[in-house]
């Protein structure tokens, strides 16, 4: 029975390292992204995962309508919003 104790300790340490080095940072990043999307308002400038800058025109349940510089509108999923740069307006 005493030969199992080191194995259990090593296994517990390994699981702890996996949690703190992989799972926890992913959850924090997801939480931060959810807060970003929840705080979006009409008129905010955002950058999509594809690198497109756009101004929020409308927010639907699972997507966002963006107006790009040419005046065209595009629909992207909420997960496709990457960031919101400093407050600015598209011309």
N, C-alpha and C. Protein backbone atom coordinates (compact mmCIF):
# COMPACT_ATOMS: atom_id res chain seq x y z
N UNK A 1 0.81 -1.19 0.00
CA UNK A 1 0.00 0.00 0.00
C UNK A 1 0.86 1.26 0.00
N UNK A 2 2.02 1.19 0.63
CA UNK A 2 2.87 2.38 0.70
C UNK A 2 3.48 2.74 -0.65
N UNK A 3 3.54 1.79 -1.58
CA UNK A 3 4.09 2.09 -2.90
C UNK A 3 3.11 2.88 -3.75
N UNK A 4 1.83 2.92 -3.37
CA UNK A 4 0.82 3.69 -4.10
C UNK A 4 0.84 5.17 -3.73
N UNK A 5 1.28 5.50 -2.55
CA UNK A 5 1.26 6.88 -2.07
C UNK A 5 2.03 7.83 -2.99
N UNK A 6 3.27 7.52 -3.38
CA UNK A 6 3.98 8.44 -4.29
C UNK A 6 3.29 8.58 -5.64
N UNK A 7 2.72 7.49 -6.13
CA UNK A 7 2.01 7.53 -7.41
C UNK A 7 0.79 8.44 -7.33
N UNK A 8 0.05 8.37 -6.26
CA UNK A 8 -1.13 9.21 -6.06
C UNK A 8 -0.72 10.67 -5.94
N UNK A 9 0.35 10.94 -5.23
CA UNK A 9 0.83 12.32 -5.08
C UNK A 9 1.27 12.89 -6.42
N UNK A 10 2.01 12.10 -7.18
CA UNK A 10 2.47 12.56 -8.51
C UNK A 10 1.27 12.79 -9.42
N UNK A 11 0.30 11.92 -9.39
CA UNK A 11 -0.91 12.08 -10.21
C UNK A 11 -1.67 13.34 -9.81
N UNK A 12 -1.81 13.59 -8.52
CA UNK A 12 -2.49 14.80 -8.05
C UNK A 12 -1.75 16.06 -8.48
N UNK A 13 -0.42 16.05 -8.38
CA UNK A 13 0.38 17.19 -8.82
C UNK A 13 0.23 17.42 -10.32
N UNK A 14 0.21 16.34 -11.10
CA UNK A 14 0.05 16.45 -12.54
C UNK A 14 -1.31 17.05 -12.89
N UNK A 15 -2.37 16.59 -12.26
CA UNK A 15 -3.71 17.13 -12.50
C UNK A 15 -3.76 18.61 -12.11
N UNK A 16 -3.15 18.97 -11.00
CA UNK A 16 -3.10 20.37 -10.57
C UNK A 16 -2.36 21.25 -11.57
N UNK A 17 -1.25 20.75 -12.10
CA UNK A 17 -0.49 21.53 -13.09
C UNK A 17 -1.30 21.70 -14.37
N UNK A 18 -1.97 20.65 -14.82
CA UNK A 18 -2.79 20.75 -16.03
C UNK A 18 -3.87 21.79 -15.83
N UNK A 19 -4.51 21.78 -14.66
CA UNK A 19 -5.57 22.75 -14.40
C UNK A 19 -5.03 24.18 -14.43
N UNK A 20 -3.97 24.46 -13.69
CA UNK A 20 -3.47 25.82 -13.58
C UNK A 20 -2.73 26.31 -14.82
N UNK A 21 -2.18 25.42 -15.62
CA UNK A 21 -1.44 25.84 -16.80
C UNK A 21 -2.26 25.80 -18.08
N UNK A 22 -3.37 25.05 -18.10
CA UNK A 22 -4.14 24.93 -19.33
C UNK A 22 -5.61 25.33 -19.16
N UNK A 23 -6.30 24.71 -18.26
CA UNK A 23 -7.76 24.90 -18.15
C UNK A 23 -8.11 26.28 -17.60
N UNK A 24 -7.49 26.70 -16.53
CA UNK A 24 -7.82 27.98 -15.90
C UNK A 24 -7.59 29.18 -16.84
N UNK A 25 -6.45 29.26 -17.54
CA UNK A 25 -6.26 30.40 -18.46
C UNK A 25 -7.30 30.44 -19.58
N UNK A 26 -7.71 29.28 -20.07
CA UNK A 26 -8.72 29.24 -21.13
C UNK A 26 -10.04 29.76 -20.60
N UNK A 27 -10.43 29.36 -19.41
CA UNK A 27 -11.68 29.84 -18.81
C UNK A 27 -11.63 31.34 -18.57
N UNK A 28 -10.50 31.86 -18.11
CA UNK A 28 -10.37 33.30 -17.88
C UNK A 28 -10.50 34.06 -19.19
N UNK A 29 -9.88 33.56 -20.26
CA UNK A 29 -9.96 34.19 -21.57
C UNK A 29 -11.41 34.17 -22.09
N UNK A 30 -12.10 33.05 -21.91
CA UNK A 30 -13.50 32.95 -22.33
C UNK A 30 -14.38 33.92 -21.55
N UNK A 31 -14.15 34.05 -20.26
CA UNK A 31 -14.93 34.96 -19.43
C UNK A 31 -14.69 36.42 -19.86
N UNK A 32 -13.44 36.74 -20.17
CA UNK A 32 -13.12 38.10 -20.61
C UNK A 32 -13.78 38.40 -21.96
N UNK A 33 -13.81 37.42 -22.87
CA UNK A 33 -14.45 37.61 -24.17
C UNK A 33 -15.96 37.79 -24.01
N UNK A 34 -16.56 36.99 -23.12
CA UNK A 34 -18.00 37.11 -22.88
C UNK A 34 -18.35 38.50 -22.33
N UNK A 35 -17.51 39.03 -21.44
CA UNK A 35 -17.73 40.37 -20.90
C UNK A 35 -17.62 41.42 -22.02
N UNK A 36 -16.63 41.26 -22.89
CA UNK A 36 -16.46 42.18 -24.02
C UNK A 36 -17.71 42.21 -24.88
N UNK A 37 -18.21 41.04 -25.24
CA UNK A 37 -19.38 40.96 -26.12
C UNK A 37 -20.62 41.51 -25.41
N UNK A 38 -20.77 41.23 -24.12
CA UNK A 38 -21.93 41.71 -23.37
C UNK A 38 -21.94 43.23 -23.25
N UNK A 39 -20.77 43.86 -23.25
CA UNK A 39 -20.68 45.31 -23.08
C UNK A 39 -20.80 46.08 -24.39
N UNK A 40 -20.85 45.37 -25.52
CA UNK A 40 -20.93 46.06 -26.81
C UNK A 40 -22.24 46.82 -26.95
N UNK A 41 -22.15 47.98 -27.57
CA UNK A 41 -23.31 48.81 -27.84
C UNK A 41 -23.27 49.25 -29.29
N UNK A 42 -24.39 49.72 -29.79
CA UNK A 42 -24.45 50.24 -31.15
C UNK A 42 -23.48 51.41 -31.26
N UNK A 43 -22.69 51.42 -32.33
CA UNK A 43 -21.72 52.49 -32.55
C UNK A 43 -20.31 52.14 -32.13
N UNK A 44 -20.12 51.07 -31.36
CA UNK A 44 -18.78 50.66 -30.95
C UNK A 44 -18.01 50.13 -32.15
N UNK A 45 -16.71 50.39 -32.17
CA UNK A 45 -15.82 49.86 -33.20
C UNK A 45 -15.23 48.56 -32.67
N UNK A 46 -15.24 47.52 -33.50
CA UNK A 46 -14.69 46.22 -33.09
C UNK A 46 -13.79 45.68 -34.20
N UNK A 47 -12.97 44.72 -33.83
CA UNK A 47 -12.12 44.01 -34.78
C UNK A 47 -12.55 42.55 -34.74
N UNK A 48 -12.81 41.97 -35.90
CA UNK A 48 -13.21 40.57 -35.96
C UNK A 48 -11.98 39.67 -35.98
N UNK A 49 -12.21 38.39 -35.81
CA UNK A 49 -11.11 37.43 -35.84
C UNK A 49 -10.43 37.40 -37.21
N UNK A 50 -11.15 37.81 -38.26
CA UNK A 50 -10.57 37.88 -39.60
C UNK A 50 -9.82 39.17 -39.86
N UNK A 51 -9.78 40.07 -38.89
CA UNK A 51 -9.04 41.32 -39.03
C UNK A 51 -9.87 42.45 -39.62
N UNK A 52 -11.18 42.29 -39.71
CA UNK A 52 -12.04 43.32 -40.27
C UNK A 52 -12.46 44.29 -39.17
N UNK A 53 -12.29 45.59 -39.44
CA UNK A 53 -12.78 46.61 -38.53
C UNK A 53 -14.21 46.94 -38.92
N UNK A 54 -15.07 47.11 -37.94
CA UNK A 54 -16.45 47.46 -38.24
C UNK A 54 -17.09 48.17 -37.08
N UNK A 55 -18.18 48.86 -37.38
CA UNK A 55 -18.96 49.58 -36.37
C UNK A 55 -20.24 48.79 -36.11
N UNK A 56 -20.55 48.56 -34.86
CA UNK A 56 -21.72 47.76 -34.50
C UNK A 56 -22.98 48.51 -34.91
N UNK A 57 -23.80 47.86 -35.72
CA UNK A 57 -25.07 48.42 -36.16
C UNK A 57 -26.23 47.82 -35.36
N UNK A 58 -26.16 46.51 -35.14
CA UNK A 58 -27.24 45.84 -34.42
C UNK A 58 -26.67 44.59 -33.75
N UNK A 59 -27.21 44.27 -32.58
CA UNK A 59 -26.79 43.08 -31.86
C UNK A 59 -27.98 42.15 -31.75
N UNK A 60 -27.85 40.97 -32.33
CA UNK A 60 -28.89 39.95 -32.26
C UNK A 60 -28.51 38.95 -31.18
N UNK A 61 -29.33 37.91 -31.05
CA UNK A 61 -29.10 36.92 -30.01
C UNK A 61 -27.77 36.20 -30.15
N UNK A 62 -27.42 35.81 -31.38
CA UNK A 62 -26.18 35.06 -31.58
C UNK A 62 -25.25 35.67 -32.62
N UNK A 63 -25.58 36.84 -33.13
CA UNK A 63 -24.73 37.47 -34.13
C UNK A 63 -24.75 38.99 -33.97
N UNK A 64 -23.83 39.62 -34.67
CA UNK A 64 -23.71 41.08 -34.63
C UNK A 64 -23.61 41.57 -36.07
N UNK A 65 -24.36 42.63 -36.38
CA UNK A 65 -24.30 43.25 -37.69
C UNK A 65 -23.30 44.39 -37.61
N UNK A 66 -22.29 44.37 -38.49
CA UNK A 66 -21.25 45.40 -38.50
C UNK A 66 -21.32 46.19 -39.80
N UNK A 67 -21.07 47.47 -39.69
CA UNK A 67 -20.95 48.33 -40.87
C UNK A 67 -19.47 48.57 -41.08
N UNK A 68 -18.98 48.21 -42.27
CA UNK A 68 -17.56 48.38 -42.57
C UNK A 68 -17.34 49.71 -43.28
N UNK A 69 -16.10 50.05 -43.52
CA UNK A 69 -15.74 51.36 -44.06
C UNK A 69 -16.41 51.67 -45.40
N UNK A 70 -16.61 50.68 -46.23
CA UNK A 70 -17.22 50.92 -47.54
C UNK A 70 -18.71 51.21 -47.44
N UNK A 71 -19.28 51.01 -46.26
CA UNK A 71 -20.71 51.23 -46.07
C UNK A 71 -21.51 49.95 -46.09
N UNK A 72 -20.88 48.86 -46.49
CA UNK A 72 -21.55 47.56 -46.52
C UNK A 72 -21.74 47.05 -45.09
N UNK A 73 -22.73 46.19 -44.91
CA UNK A 73 -22.93 45.57 -43.61
C UNK A 73 -22.62 44.08 -43.72
N UNK A 74 -22.05 43.56 -42.63
CA UNK A 74 -21.76 42.13 -42.58
C UNK A 74 -22.26 41.58 -41.26
N UNK A 75 -22.60 40.31 -41.27
CA UNK A 75 -23.05 39.64 -40.04
C UNK A 75 -21.94 38.71 -39.59
N UNK A 76 -21.56 38.82 -38.33
CA UNK A 76 -20.55 37.93 -37.74
C UNK A 76 -21.12 37.34 -36.46
N UNK A 77 -20.62 36.17 -36.11
CA UNK A 77 -21.05 35.57 -34.84
C UNK A 77 -20.41 36.34 -33.69
N UNK A 78 -21.00 36.24 -32.55
CA UNK A 78 -20.43 36.92 -31.38
C UNK A 78 -19.05 36.38 -31.05
N UNK A 79 -18.83 35.10 -31.34
CA UNK A 79 -17.51 34.51 -31.12
C UNK A 79 -16.46 35.03 -32.07
N UNK A 80 -16.89 35.65 -33.18
CA UNK A 80 -15.96 36.19 -34.16
C UNK A 80 -15.43 37.57 -33.81
N UNK A 81 -15.94 38.17 -32.75
CA UNK A 81 -15.44 39.47 -32.30
C UNK A 81 -14.18 39.24 -31.50
N UNK A 82 -13.09 39.86 -31.92
CA UNK A 82 -11.81 39.64 -31.27
C UNK A 82 -11.52 40.68 -30.20
N UNK A 83 -11.70 41.96 -30.54
CA UNK A 83 -11.40 43.00 -29.57
C UNK A 83 -12.13 44.29 -29.92
N UNK A 84 -12.02 45.22 -29.02
CA UNK A 84 -12.59 46.56 -29.20
C UNK A 84 -11.47 47.55 -28.94
N UNK A 85 -10.97 48.20 -30.02
CA UNK A 85 -9.86 49.16 -29.81
C UNK A 85 -10.34 50.40 -29.06
N UNK A 86 -9.43 51.31 -28.81
CA UNK A 86 -9.77 52.56 -28.14
C UNK A 86 -10.99 53.17 -28.79
N UNK A 87 -11.75 53.94 -28.03
CA UNK A 87 -12.96 54.56 -28.55
C UNK A 87 -12.62 55.41 -29.78
N UNK A 88 -13.23 55.05 -30.90
CA UNK A 88 -13.05 55.79 -32.14
C UNK A 88 -14.23 55.53 -33.03
N UNK A 89 -14.37 56.30 -34.08
CA UNK A 89 -15.47 56.16 -35.02
C UNK A 89 -14.91 55.89 -36.42
N UNK A 90 -15.63 55.08 -37.19
CA UNK A 90 -15.27 54.90 -38.60
C UNK A 90 -15.74 56.10 -39.38
N UNK A 91 -14.98 56.53 -40.36
CA UNK A 91 -15.38 57.67 -41.18
C UNK A 91 -16.07 57.19 -42.42
